[in-house]
N, C-alpha and C. Protein backbone atom coordinates (compact mmCIF):
# COMPACT_ATOMS: atom_id res chain seq x y z
N MET A 1 92.28 79.29 74.50
CA MET A 1 91.90 77.96 75.14
C MET A 1 91.79 77.54 75.76
N GLU A 2 90.89 76.76 76.63
CA GLU A 2 90.92 75.83 78.18
C GLU A 2 91.99 75.19 78.07
N GLU A 3 92.89 75.63 79.53
CA GLU A 3 93.43 74.34 80.09
C GLU A 3 93.54 72.76 80.56
N LYS A 4 93.69 72.04 79.75
CA LYS A 4 93.56 70.61 80.64
C LYS A 4 93.38 70.23 82.35
N PRO A 5 92.40 69.67 82.57
CA PRO A 5 92.49 69.59 83.88
C PRO A 5 93.49 68.48 84.58
N LEU A 6 93.54 68.77 85.38
CA LEU A 6 95.08 67.95 85.81
C LEU A 6 95.19 66.83 86.76
N ILE A 7 95.25 65.92 86.71
CA ILE A 7 94.97 64.65 87.50
C ILE A 7 96.63 63.97 87.66
N TYR A 8 96.46 63.26 88.30
CA TYR A 8 97.79 62.74 89.22
C TYR A 8 97.54 61.18 89.68
N CYS A 9 98.14 60.99 89.53
CA CYS A 9 98.16 58.75 89.42
C CYS A 9 99.10 58.54 90.31
N VAL A 10 99.40 57.72 91.72
CA VAL A 10 99.62 57.35 92.52
C VAL A 10 99.66 55.88 92.42
N GLU A 11 100.14 55.68 91.99
CA GLU A 11 100.73 54.15 91.49
C GLU A 11 102.06 53.49 91.86
N ASP A 12 102.64 52.64 92.86
CA ASP A 12 103.73 51.92 92.33
C ASP A 12 104.25 50.67 91.41
N ASP A 13 102.83 50.37 90.90
CA ASP A 13 103.46 49.69 89.87
C ASP A 13 103.62 50.47 88.21
N GLU A 14 105.06 50.46 87.72
CA GLU A 14 105.55 51.13 86.50
C GLU A 14 104.43 51.02 85.29
N SER A 15 104.30 49.56 84.47
CA SER A 15 103.28 49.87 84.07
C SER A 15 102.37 50.64 84.02
N ILE A 16 101.30 50.45 85.28
CA ILE A 16 100.28 50.92 85.06
C ILE A 16 100.09 52.51 85.25
N ARG A 17 101.41 52.45 86.10
CA ARG A 17 101.14 54.25 86.24
C ARG A 17 101.26 54.98 84.84
N GLN A 18 102.42 54.45 83.73
CA GLN A 18 102.51 55.14 82.81
C GLN A 18 101.57 54.50 81.34
N MET A 19 100.83 53.23 81.97
CA MET A 19 99.26 53.06 81.44
C MET A 19 98.24 54.42 81.59
N VAL A 20 98.08 53.98 82.55
CA VAL A 20 96.94 55.20 83.30
C VAL A 20 97.66 56.16 82.72
N CYS A 21 99.06 57.57 82.66
CA CYS A 21 99.44 58.53 82.39
C CYS A 21 99.08 58.89 81.03
N TYR A 22 99.35 57.90 80.19
CA TYR A 22 99.12 57.48 78.62
C TYR A 22 97.79 58.23 77.96
N ALA A 23 97.12 56.81 78.91
CA ALA A 23 95.14 57.15 78.76
C ALA A 23 94.85 57.93 78.54
N LEU A 24 95.24 59.17 79.99
CA LEU A 24 94.86 60.43 81.21
C LEU A 24 95.06 61.35 79.37
N GLU A 25 96.90 61.38 78.87
CA GLU A 25 97.18 62.24 78.10
C GLU A 25 95.89 62.46 77.07
N SER A 26 95.85 61.42 76.19
CA SER A 26 94.99 60.40 74.97
C SER A 26 93.68 61.05 75.42
N GLY A 27 93.09 61.36 76.26
CA GLY A 27 91.43 61.66 76.95
C GLY A 27 91.36 63.07 77.25
N GLY A 28 92.51 64.24 77.17
CA GLY A 28 92.32 65.15 77.22
C GLY A 28 92.88 65.81 78.53
N TYR A 29 93.10 64.87 79.01
CA TYR A 29 94.21 65.63 80.91
C TYR A 29 95.21 65.68 80.91
N GLN A 30 95.77 66.37 81.73
CA GLN A 30 97.32 66.72 82.01
C GLN A 30 97.65 65.95 83.06
N ALA A 31 98.48 64.70 82.82
CA ALA A 31 99.03 63.95 83.70
C ALA A 31 99.80 63.73 84.07
N ARG A 32 100.48 63.58 85.50
CA ARG A 32 101.37 63.76 86.56
C ARG A 32 101.59 62.19 87.29
N GLY A 33 102.34 61.63 87.36
CA GLY A 33 102.69 59.46 87.95
C GLY A 33 103.02 60.30 88.88
N PHE A 34 103.39 59.78 90.60
CA PHE A 34 104.25 59.37 91.23
C PHE A 34 104.17 57.39 92.30
N GLU A 35 104.92 57.01 91.94
CA GLU A 35 105.41 55.86 92.59
C GLU A 35 104.88 55.69 94.25
N SER A 36 105.40 56.97 94.75
CA SER A 36 105.18 56.78 96.19
C SER A 36 104.48 57.96 96.78
N GLY A 37 103.98 58.02 98.03
CA GLY A 37 103.69 59.62 98.88
C GLY A 37 104.77 60.62 98.70
N GLN A 38 105.68 59.69 98.57
CA GLN A 38 107.19 61.14 99.27
C GLN A 38 107.41 61.84 98.20
N GLU A 39 106.77 61.37 97.04
CA GLU A 39 107.21 61.65 95.54
C GLU A 39 105.89 62.74 95.27
N PHE A 40 104.62 62.33 96.06
CA PHE A 40 103.64 62.60 95.33
C PHE A 40 103.53 64.07 96.54
N TRP A 41 103.63 63.75 97.35
CA TRP A 41 103.45 65.82 98.54
C TRP A 41 103.91 66.92 98.25
N PRO A 42 105.29 66.74 97.61
CA PRO A 42 105.71 67.65 97.67
C PRO A 42 104.89 68.15 95.63
N CYS A 43 104.68 68.29 95.17
CA CYS A 43 104.07 68.38 94.16
C CYS A 43 102.48 68.80 95.04
N TRP A 44 101.80 67.88 95.33
CA TRP A 44 100.53 68.09 95.50
C TRP A 44 100.67 69.55 96.93
N ARG A 45 101.32 69.74 97.71
CA ARG A 45 101.44 71.06 98.12
C ARG A 45 101.19 72.57 97.47
N ARG A 46 103.03 72.37 95.91
CA ARG A 46 102.69 73.63 95.07
C ARG A 46 100.66 73.39 94.10
N GLU A 47 100.98 72.60 93.54
CA GLU A 47 99.45 72.79 93.03
C GLU A 47 98.94 71.15 92.88
N PRO A 48 97.79 71.36 93.58
CA PRO A 48 96.44 70.23 93.84
C PRO A 48 96.24 70.32 92.60
N PRO A 49 95.63 68.98 92.16
CA PRO A 49 94.98 67.84 91.18
C PRO A 49 93.77 68.57 90.93
N ARG A 50 93.38 67.65 89.72
CA ARG A 50 91.84 68.44 89.48
C ARG A 50 90.80 66.91 90.34
N LEU A 51 91.86 66.17 89.74
CA LEU A 51 91.36 64.93 90.22
C LEU A 51 92.94 64.14 90.60
N LEU A 52 92.96 62.66 92.37
CA LEU A 52 93.69 62.36 92.32
C LEU A 52 93.08 60.32 91.86
N LEU A 53 93.93 59.94 91.52
CA LEU A 53 94.16 58.14 91.70
C LEU A 53 94.46 57.88 92.33
N LEU A 54 94.40 56.60 93.13
CA LEU A 54 95.47 56.68 94.15
C LEU A 54 95.76 55.23 94.28
N ASP A 55 96.38 54.59 94.73
CA ASP A 55 96.04 52.90 94.71
C ASP A 55 96.55 53.04 96.61
N ILE A 56 96.36 51.41 96.78
CA ILE A 56 95.90 51.28 98.79
C ILE A 56 97.51 51.22 98.78
N MET A 57 98.05 49.73 98.24
CA MET A 57 99.11 49.29 98.58
C MET A 57 100.28 50.05 97.81
N LEU A 58 101.16 50.80 98.89
CA LEU A 58 102.27 52.05 98.53
C LEU A 58 103.45 51.75 99.37
N PRO A 59 104.65 51.62 98.70
CA PRO A 59 105.84 52.15 99.50
C PRO A 59 105.92 52.69 100.54
N GLY A 60 105.82 52.46 102.15
CA GLY A 60 106.81 53.64 102.51
C GLY A 60 104.62 54.17 103.22
N GLU A 61 104.28 55.17 103.12
CA GLU A 61 102.88 55.18 103.20
C GLU A 61 102.21 55.08 102.68
N ASP A 62 101.15 54.91 103.51
CA ASP A 62 100.30 53.73 102.34
C ASP A 62 98.42 54.71 102.22
N GLY A 63 98.05 53.87 100.68
CA GLY A 63 96.85 55.12 99.87
C GLY A 63 95.46 55.17 100.81
N MET A 64 96.23 54.39 101.94
CA MET A 64 94.40 55.54 103.12
C MET A 64 95.18 55.62 103.82
N ASP A 65 96.07 55.75 104.06
CA ASP A 65 96.98 57.22 104.87
C ASP A 65 96.75 58.35 104.36
N ILE A 66 97.47 58.22 102.88
CA ILE A 66 97.57 59.54 101.88
C ILE A 66 95.97 59.92 101.48
N LEU A 67 94.97 59.24 101.56
CA LEU A 67 93.76 59.38 101.49
C LEU A 67 93.02 60.46 102.22
N ARG A 68 93.43 59.86 103.55
CA ARG A 68 92.81 60.44 105.16
C ARG A 68 93.17 62.06 105.09
N GLN A 69 94.21 62.17 105.34
CA GLN A 69 95.39 63.26 105.16
C GLN A 69 95.29 64.67 103.87
N VAL A 70 94.79 64.08 101.89
CA VAL A 70 94.22 64.78 101.65
C VAL A 70 93.16 65.32 101.89
N LYS A 71 92.08 64.25 102.42
CA LYS A 71 90.54 64.63 102.55
C LYS A 71 90.44 65.79 104.31
N LYS A 72 91.16 66.18 104.56
CA LYS A 72 91.42 66.75 106.34
C LYS A 72 92.05 68.28 105.72
N GLY A 73 92.93 68.39 104.64
CA GLY A 73 93.42 69.57 104.08
C GLY A 73 92.60 70.11 103.56
N THR A 74 93.17 71.09 102.94
CA THR A 74 92.96 72.59 102.53
C THR A 74 92.36 72.25 101.09
N SER A 75 92.58 71.21 100.67
CA SER A 75 91.99 70.98 99.47
C SER A 75 91.33 69.39 99.63
N ALA A 76 90.39 69.79 100.63
CA ALA A 76 89.56 68.38 100.64
C ALA A 76 88.34 68.24 99.53
N ALA A 77 88.15 69.58 99.07
CA ALA A 77 86.91 68.72 98.15
C ALA A 77 87.21 67.97 96.70
N THR A 78 89.04 68.00 96.60
CA THR A 78 90.11 67.01 95.71
C THR A 78 88.95 65.91 95.26
N PRO A 79 88.18 65.44 94.01
CA PRO A 79 88.10 63.84 94.36
C PRO A 79 89.27 62.87 93.95
N VAL A 80 89.29 61.73 94.92
CA VAL A 80 89.62 61.23 94.46
C VAL A 80 89.44 59.61 94.33
N ILE A 81 89.87 59.47 93.49
CA ILE A 81 88.92 57.70 92.72
C ILE A 81 90.58 56.30 93.63
N MET A 82 90.01 55.30 94.03
CA MET A 82 90.95 54.38 94.25
C MET A 82 90.99 53.60 93.21
N LEU A 83 92.17 53.17 92.85
CA LEU A 83 92.58 52.08 91.64
C LEU A 83 93.38 51.55 92.79
N THR A 84 93.24 50.19 92.63
CA THR A 84 94.06 48.57 93.61
C THR A 84 92.87 47.96 93.50
N ALA A 85 94.04 46.61 93.60
CA ALA A 85 93.44 45.55 93.44
C ALA A 85 92.60 44.72 94.64
N LYS A 86 92.94 45.97 95.81
CA LYS A 86 92.13 44.51 96.54
C LYS A 86 89.97 45.08 96.27
N THR A 87 90.10 44.20 96.88
CA THR A 87 87.86 44.22 96.34
C THR A 87 87.02 43.55 97.17
N ALA A 88 87.76 43.24 98.65
CA ALA A 88 87.16 43.35 99.33
C ALA A 88 85.55 43.94 99.83
N GLU A 89 85.10 44.07 99.61
CA GLU A 89 83.51 44.90 100.01
C GLU A 89 84.00 45.47 101.08
N LEU A 90 84.70 45.57 102.33
CA LEU A 90 85.05 45.98 103.38
C LEU A 90 85.92 46.91 103.35
N ASP A 91 87.30 46.39 102.35
CA ASP A 91 87.95 47.55 101.46
C ASP A 91 88.22 48.66 100.81
N LYS A 92 86.21 48.42 99.82
CA LYS A 92 85.91 49.59 99.52
C LYS A 92 84.78 50.24 100.28
N VAL A 93 84.01 49.55 101.38
CA VAL A 93 83.58 50.84 102.51
C VAL A 93 84.04 51.63 102.79
N ALA A 94 85.36 50.89 103.33
CA ALA A 94 86.27 51.74 104.62
C ALA A 94 86.77 52.56 103.37
N GLY A 95 87.68 52.65 102.01
CA GLY A 95 88.01 53.85 101.43
C GLY A 95 86.78 54.67 101.12
N LEU A 96 85.43 54.76 100.97
CA LEU A 96 84.68 55.57 100.14
C LEU A 96 83.90 56.54 101.34
N ASP A 97 84.08 55.70 103.14
CA ASP A 97 83.76 56.36 103.84
C ASP A 97 85.08 56.88 104.65
N ALA A 98 85.89 56.97 104.40
CA ALA A 98 87.17 57.72 104.00
C ALA A 98 87.36 59.03 103.59
N GLY A 99 86.42 58.83 102.10
CA GLY A 99 85.91 60.11 101.67
C GLY A 99 86.68 59.57 100.29
N ALA A 100 87.06 58.90 100.00
CA ALA A 100 87.37 58.39 98.26
C ALA A 100 86.09 58.41 97.81
N ASP A 101 86.07 59.21 96.63
CA ASP A 101 85.06 59.98 95.62
C ASP A 101 84.38 58.79 94.38
N ASP A 102 84.91 57.86 94.82
CA ASP A 102 84.49 56.26 93.31
C ASP A 102 85.75 55.29 93.99
N TYR A 103 85.89 53.88 93.35
CA TYR A 103 87.00 52.52 93.82
C TYR A 103 87.29 51.65 92.39
N ILE A 104 88.32 51.99 91.48
CA ILE A 104 88.09 51.01 90.42
C ILE A 104 89.59 49.81 90.99
N ALA A 105 88.47 48.48 90.39
CA ALA A 105 89.47 47.72 90.90
C ALA A 105 90.43 47.25 89.60
N LYS A 106 91.72 46.45 90.28
CA LYS A 106 92.40 46.37 89.04
C LYS A 106 92.06 44.70 88.97
N PRO A 107 92.23 43.95 87.38
CA PRO A 107 92.85 44.58 86.11
C PRO A 107 90.82 45.94 86.08
N PHE A 108 91.50 46.66 84.99
CA PHE A 108 90.33 47.70 84.11
C PHE A 108 91.14 48.09 83.34
N SER A 109 89.87 48.45 82.34
CA SER A 109 90.23 48.88 80.88
C SER A 109 90.16 50.94 81.17
N VAL A 110 91.04 51.12 79.98
CA VAL A 110 90.74 52.79 79.80
C VAL A 110 90.07 52.97 79.40
N LEU A 111 88.87 52.94 78.74
CA LEU A 111 87.35 53.12 78.86
C LEU A 111 87.23 53.10 79.76
N GLU A 112 86.37 52.15 81.10
CA GLU A 112 86.02 52.44 81.90
C GLU A 112 86.63 53.25 83.57
N LEU A 113 87.88 53.72 83.14
CA LEU A 113 88.75 54.95 83.67
C LEU A 113 88.02 55.73 83.37
N LEU A 114 88.61 56.33 82.31
CA LEU A 114 88.28 57.27 81.56
C LEU A 114 86.73 57.65 81.60
N SER A 115 85.34 56.64 81.50
CA SER A 115 84.40 56.77 82.29
C SER A 115 84.30 57.37 83.35
N ARG A 116 84.83 56.50 84.53
CA ARG A 116 84.63 57.40 86.04
C ARG A 116 84.88 58.01 86.07
N ILE A 117 85.89 58.61 85.63
CA ILE A 117 86.46 59.85 85.80
C ILE A 117 86.02 61.19 85.53
N ARG A 118 85.19 61.22 84.21
CA ARG A 118 84.10 61.51 83.72
C ARG A 118 82.64 62.25 84.42
N ALA A 119 82.51 60.54 84.88
CA ALA A 119 81.84 60.41 86.30
C ALA A 119 81.54 62.08 87.15
N VAL A 120 83.17 61.67 87.98
CA VAL A 120 83.32 62.12 89.52
C VAL A 120 83.48 63.56 88.89
N LEU A 121 84.03 63.53 88.07
CA LEU A 121 84.07 65.34 87.36
C LEU A 121 83.08 65.98 87.56
N ARG A 122 81.81 65.24 86.87
CA ARG A 122 80.71 66.14 86.70
C ARG A 122 79.79 66.27 87.79
N ARG A 123 80.00 65.00 88.55
CA ARG A 123 79.36 64.86 89.72
C ARG A 123 79.74 66.08 90.83
N THR A 124 81.55 65.82 90.93
CA THR A 124 81.48 67.25 92.00
C THR A 124 82.21 68.64 91.06
N SER A 125 81.92 68.94 90.58
CA SER A 125 81.79 70.61 89.79
C SER A 125 80.60 71.53 90.38
N ARG A 126 79.34 70.05 90.29
CA ARG A 126 78.33 71.05 90.54
C ARG A 126 78.48 71.53 92.23
N GLY A 127 77.44 73.04 91.87
CA GLY A 127 76.69 73.67 93.71
C GLY A 127 77.80 74.31 94.50
N ALA A 128 78.65 75.36 93.87
CA ALA A 128 79.79 75.49 94.75
C ALA A 128 79.05 76.51 95.27
N GLY A 129 78.04 77.37 95.22
CA GLY A 129 77.89 78.46 96.30
C GLY A 129 77.24 78.03 97.29
N PRO A 130 77.42 78.73 98.47
CA PRO A 130 76.59 78.88 99.86
C PRO A 130 75.42 78.42 99.53
N LEU A 131 74.62 77.27 100.22
CA LEU A 131 73.03 76.42 100.72
C LEU A 131 72.90 76.44 102.18
N SER A 132 71.66 76.63 102.12
CA SER A 132 70.58 76.94 102.89
C SER A 132 69.33 76.92 103.15
N CYS A 133 69.01 76.11 104.26
CA CYS A 133 67.80 75.02 104.51
C CYS A 133 66.94 75.30 105.62
N GLY A 134 66.09 76.77 106.13
CA GLY A 134 66.14 76.59 107.51
C GLY A 134 66.96 76.84 108.17
N PRO A 135 67.19 76.40 109.67
CA PRO A 135 68.50 76.75 110.36
C PRO A 135 70.29 76.48 109.21
N VAL A 136 69.48 75.93 108.81
CA VAL A 136 71.15 74.46 108.34
C VAL A 136 71.72 75.80 107.49
N THR A 137 73.34 76.22 107.18
CA THR A 137 73.53 76.28 106.31
C THR A 137 74.30 75.97 105.11
N LEU A 138 75.26 75.67 104.35
CA LEU A 138 76.21 74.74 103.75
C LEU A 138 77.25 75.42 103.25
N ASP A 139 78.35 75.24 102.57
CA ASP A 139 79.28 76.34 101.18
C ASP A 139 80.35 75.46 101.53
N PRO A 140 80.18 75.09 100.54
CA PRO A 140 80.94 73.92 99.81
C PRO A 140 82.35 74.18 99.19
N LEU A 141 82.74 75.45 99.79
CA LEU A 141 84.62 76.37 99.53
C LEU A 141 85.18 75.31 100.16
N SER A 142 84.41 75.80 101.63
CA SER A 142 84.89 76.30 102.86
C SER A 142 85.44 74.87 103.86
N ARG A 143 83.99 74.42 102.57
CA ARG A 143 83.50 72.88 103.92
C ARG A 143 82.20 73.42 105.06
N ALA A 144 81.79 74.19 105.60
CA ALA A 144 81.67 74.08 106.81
C ALA A 144 80.02 74.11 106.77
N VAL A 145 79.78 73.76 107.82
CA VAL A 145 78.49 73.33 108.20
C VAL A 145 77.78 73.98 109.67
N CYS A 146 76.63 74.86 109.34
CA CYS A 146 76.60 75.13 110.94
C CYS A 146 74.73 75.07 111.26
N SER A 147 74.14 75.29 112.10
CA SER A 147 72.70 74.78 112.45
C SER A 147 72.55 76.10 113.35
N GLY A 148 71.86 76.35 113.37
CA GLY A 148 70.96 77.22 114.09
C GLY A 148 72.55 78.15 114.59
N GLY A 149 73.16 78.90 113.76
CA GLY A 149 74.51 79.68 113.72
C GLY A 149 75.44 78.76 114.36
N LYS A 150 75.36 77.73 114.83
CA LYS A 150 76.33 77.22 115.36
C LYS A 150 77.15 75.85 114.84
N PRO A 151 78.77 76.20 114.46
CA PRO A 151 79.21 75.34 113.53
C PRO A 151 79.28 73.50 114.00
N VAL A 152 78.95 73.10 112.97
CA VAL A 152 79.35 71.67 113.01
C VAL A 152 79.96 70.58 112.21
N GLU A 153 80.97 69.81 112.87
CA GLU A 153 81.73 69.06 112.84
C GLU A 153 80.99 67.63 111.78
N LEU A 154 81.40 67.45 110.83
CA LEU A 154 80.55 66.55 109.42
C LEU A 154 81.86 66.03 109.14
N THR A 155 81.60 64.16 109.42
CA THR A 155 82.56 63.60 108.12
C THR A 155 82.98 63.92 106.94
N TYR A 156 83.47 63.57 106.66
CA TYR A 156 83.48 63.70 104.76
C TYR A 156 82.44 63.09 104.42
N LYS A 157 81.98 61.76 104.11
CA LYS A 157 80.36 61.30 103.20
C LYS A 157 79.30 61.77 104.50
N GLU A 158 79.75 62.07 105.46
CA GLU A 158 78.35 63.47 106.03
C GLU A 158 77.97 64.43 105.46
N PHE A 159 79.25 65.09 104.97
CA PHE A 159 79.03 66.23 104.94
C PHE A 159 78.16 66.20 103.27
N GLU A 160 79.49 65.04 102.55
CA GLU A 160 78.39 64.79 100.84
C GLU A 160 76.82 64.56 100.75
N LEU A 161 76.24 63.84 101.90
CA LEU A 161 75.51 63.80 102.19
C LEU A 161 74.06 64.44 102.07
N LEU A 162 74.91 64.91 102.92
CA LEU A 162 73.84 66.96 103.59
C LEU A 162 73.93 67.99 102.36
N HIS A 163 75.41 67.60 101.68
CA HIS A 163 75.35 68.17 100.76
C HIS A 163 74.44 68.40 99.55
N TYR A 164 74.12 66.91 99.19
CA TYR A 164 73.22 66.29 98.25
C TYR A 164 71.86 66.60 98.04
N MET A 165 71.45 67.08 99.41
CA MET A 165 70.17 66.88 100.20
C MET A 165 69.67 68.00 99.91
N MET A 166 70.65 68.84 100.00
CA MET A 166 70.64 70.68 100.19
C MET A 166 70.33 70.93 98.57
N ARG A 167 70.89 69.78 97.44
CA ARG A 167 70.79 70.34 96.39
C ARG A 167 69.32 70.31 95.53
N CYS A 168 68.85 69.04 96.39
CA CYS A 168 67.21 68.48 96.25
C CYS A 168 66.61 68.77 97.33
N PRO A 169 66.35 70.11 97.45
CA PRO A 169 65.21 69.98 98.78
C PRO A 169 63.67 70.00 98.03
N GLY A 170 63.42 69.46 99.12
CA GLY A 170 61.71 69.13 98.69
C GLY A 170 62.02 67.42 97.38
N GLU A 171 62.87 67.31 97.60
CA GLU A 171 62.70 66.27 96.42
C GLU A 171 63.34 65.05 97.23
N ALA A 172 62.22 63.54 97.16
CA ALA A 172 61.93 62.48 97.24
C ALA A 172 62.76 61.75 96.77
N LEU A 173 64.33 61.25 97.58
CA LEU A 173 65.47 60.71 97.35
C LEU A 173 66.21 59.03 97.76
N SER A 174 65.90 58.12 97.30
CA SER A 174 65.65 56.93 97.13
C SER A 174 67.09 56.75 97.79
N ARG A 175 67.23 55.65 98.97
CA ARG A 175 68.69 55.03 99.07
C ARG A 175 69.54 54.31 98.28
N THR A 176 68.82 54.13 96.69
CA THR A 176 69.94 53.36 96.29
C THR A 176 70.19 54.75 95.26
N ARG A 177 69.83 55.67 94.88
CA ARG A 177 70.25 56.98 94.61
C ARG A 177 71.32 57.52 95.35
N LEU A 178 71.07 57.79 96.64
CA LEU A 178 71.89 58.69 97.47
C LEU A 178 73.52 57.45 97.17
N LEU A 179 73.18 56.37 97.76
CA LEU A 179 74.32 55.38 97.74
C LEU A 179 75.43 56.25 96.46
N GLU A 180 74.58 56.36 94.83
CA GLU A 180 75.13 56.01 93.49
C GLU A 180 76.07 57.58 93.80
N LYS A 181 74.82 58.78 94.24
CA LYS A 181 75.20 59.69 93.78
C LYS A 181 76.14 60.50 94.79
N VAL A 182 76.48 60.13 96.22
CA VAL A 182 77.03 60.39 97.68
C VAL A 182 78.78 60.23 97.19
N TRP A 183 78.36 58.06 97.22
CA TRP A 183 79.30 57.16 97.12
C TRP A 183 79.57 56.81 96.22
N GLY A 184 78.93 56.81 94.93
CA GLY A 184 79.58 56.63 93.74
C GLY A 184 79.66 55.02 93.14
N PHE A 185 79.10 54.58 94.05
CA PHE A 185 79.27 53.20 94.26
C PHE A 185 77.59 52.52 94.13
N ASP A 186 78.21 51.29 93.81
CA ASP A 186 76.84 50.30 94.29
C ASP A 186 77.11 49.35 95.33
N PHE A 187 76.35 49.57 96.62
CA PHE A 187 76.44 48.66 97.88
C PHE A 187 75.69 47.33 97.10
N GLN A 188 74.91 47.43 96.36
CA GLN A 188 74.87 46.21 96.73
C GLN A 188 74.08 45.62 97.61
N GLY A 189 72.86 46.52 97.90
CA GLY A 189 71.95 46.32 98.79
C GLY A 189 72.24 46.41 100.59
N GLU A 190 73.34 47.28 100.19
CA GLU A 190 74.11 48.13 101.54
C GLU A 190 73.35 49.33 101.96
N SER A 191 72.10 49.81 102.09
CA SER A 191 71.22 50.66 102.09
C SER A 191 70.87 51.30 103.36
N ARG A 192 71.66 50.03 104.75
CA ARG A 192 71.86 50.69 105.70
C ARG A 192 73.13 51.85 106.21
N THR A 193 73.92 52.06 105.44
CA THR A 193 75.16 53.02 105.41
C THR A 193 74.21 53.86 105.11
N VAL A 194 73.36 54.20 104.48
CA VAL A 194 72.89 55.42 104.07
C VAL A 194 71.62 55.99 105.27
N ASP A 195 70.89 55.02 105.82
CA ASP A 195 70.32 54.77 107.21
C ASP A 195 71.33 55.17 108.14
N MET A 196 73.15 55.15 108.65
CA MET A 196 73.06 55.38 110.05
C MET A 196 73.81 56.40 109.30
N HIS A 197 73.87 56.73 108.68
CA HIS A 197 74.89 58.33 108.07
C HIS A 197 73.30 59.14 108.03
N VAL A 198 72.31 58.76 107.62
CA VAL A 198 70.86 60.27 108.67
C VAL A 198 71.14 59.88 109.71
N LYS A 199 71.12 59.70 110.42
CA LYS A 199 71.03 59.30 111.96
C LYS A 199 71.97 60.26 112.69
N THR A 200 73.53 59.67 111.89
CA THR A 200 74.23 61.23 112.17
C THR A 200 74.14 62.21 112.11
N LEU A 201 73.85 62.46 110.70
CA LEU A 201 73.30 63.78 110.49
C LEU A 201 72.42 64.67 111.84
N ARG A 202 71.30 63.84 111.60
CA ARG A 202 70.03 64.47 112.86
C ARG A 202 70.11 64.84 113.81
N ARG A 203 71.35 64.07 114.52
CA ARG A 203 71.62 64.25 115.97
C ARG A 203 72.44 65.36 115.87
N LYS A 204 73.81 65.16 114.82
CA LYS A 204 75.15 66.27 115.00
C LYS A 204 74.37 67.60 114.23
N LEU A 205 73.15 67.42 113.90
CA LEU A 205 72.89 68.68 113.04
C LEU A 205 71.90 69.28 114.35
N GLY A 206 70.98 68.91 115.29
CA GLY A 206 70.83 69.29 116.57
C GLY A 206 68.80 69.65 116.29
N ALA A 207 68.63 70.74 116.12
CA ALA A 207 67.62 70.28 115.89
C ALA A 207 66.84 70.86 114.69
N GLY A 208 68.36 71.38 113.79
CA GLY A 208 68.20 71.12 112.31
C GLY A 208 67.86 70.08 111.82
N GLY A 209 68.43 68.76 112.51
CA GLY A 209 67.77 68.04 111.88
C GLY A 209 66.75 67.45 111.43
N GLY A 210 65.68 68.02 111.83
CA GLY A 210 64.26 67.40 112.04
C GLY A 210 63.89 67.75 110.29
N LEU A 211 64.82 68.83 110.31
CA LEU A 211 64.39 68.54 108.14
C LEU A 211 64.31 67.52 107.13
N ILE A 212 65.85 66.44 108.38
CA ILE A 212 66.11 65.70 107.22
C ILE A 212 64.71 64.37 107.31
N LYS A 213 63.54 64.67 106.72
CA LYS A 213 62.33 63.78 106.51
C LYS A 213 62.43 62.49 106.04
N THR A 214 61.65 61.28 106.85
CA THR A 214 61.22 60.07 106.45
C THR A 214 60.65 59.57 105.93
N VAL A 215 60.72 59.73 104.32
CA VAL A 215 59.91 59.16 103.16
C VAL A 215 59.31 57.81 103.12
N ARG A 216 57.80 57.35 103.72
CA ARG A 216 57.85 55.88 103.59
C ARG A 216 57.77 55.07 102.48
N GLY A 217 59.10 54.30 102.01
CA GLY A 217 58.79 53.11 101.05
C GLY A 217 60.08 53.97 100.10
N ALA A 218 60.18 55.60 100.33
CA ALA A 218 61.11 55.62 99.19
C ALA A 218 62.22 56.52 99.18
N GLY A 219 62.24 56.86 100.47
CA GLY A 219 63.78 57.30 101.21
C GLY A 219 64.26 58.57 102.57
N TYR A 220 64.36 59.30 101.72
CA TYR A 220 64.72 60.51 103.12
C TYR A 220 64.16 62.14 101.81
N LYS A 221 64.04 63.10 102.86
CA LYS A 221 64.06 64.43 101.75
C LYS A 221 64.51 65.17 102.60
N LEU A 222 65.01 66.33 102.51
CA LEU A 222 65.26 68.07 102.93
C LEU A 222 63.98 68.83 102.80
N GLU A 223 62.86 68.61 104.04
CA GLU A 223 61.88 69.87 104.09
C GLU A 223 62.44 71.27 104.60
N GLY A 224 62.60 72.63 104.16
CA GLY A 224 62.34 73.75 105.02
C GLY A 224 61.56 74.10 105.58
């Protein structure tokens, strides 16, 4: 029998934490709940989960600090869904740019939570093998990128954007599609977020940046 995916929930509200863990177990997952980062880190180091649900407002180390540490570590590919009462757009953008794969505002329904978890797991389980396009190579497992044989340092979202484009070579990708697939969130017209990340990607990739073409009236595509 296939082992159930393990999901962690870091949430200081006991009633919400218990509700989430019950919903996860009912939905076919293993679930472990933690009140704080202090409780969470020892388990994370022993056994990183398949997905992490993370509140922002926590005692001691807050959720944004935990998110940044998770995305810098050896298990950076582990998807994270922010689960928080903060609903301002700037908070959402900050969380997503720091590496969160989705953002669910409280209050939320159990059905929505499970649906979003399934969507993130589907999106992050694809394309595990190394990819190459012209002088650019990308390894999803080690999260290493090289352009012209030289290593390139990318932020979490820059890496995810390049990874998605390399999985769709030659295909015109709209800004809306890139926002949905890479950020996992509808930015309500914030397409300049994609433009800014593409601009930075082109610069960091050097000669390889020329592979990212602008498609007038459509978006961008990667051509080798």
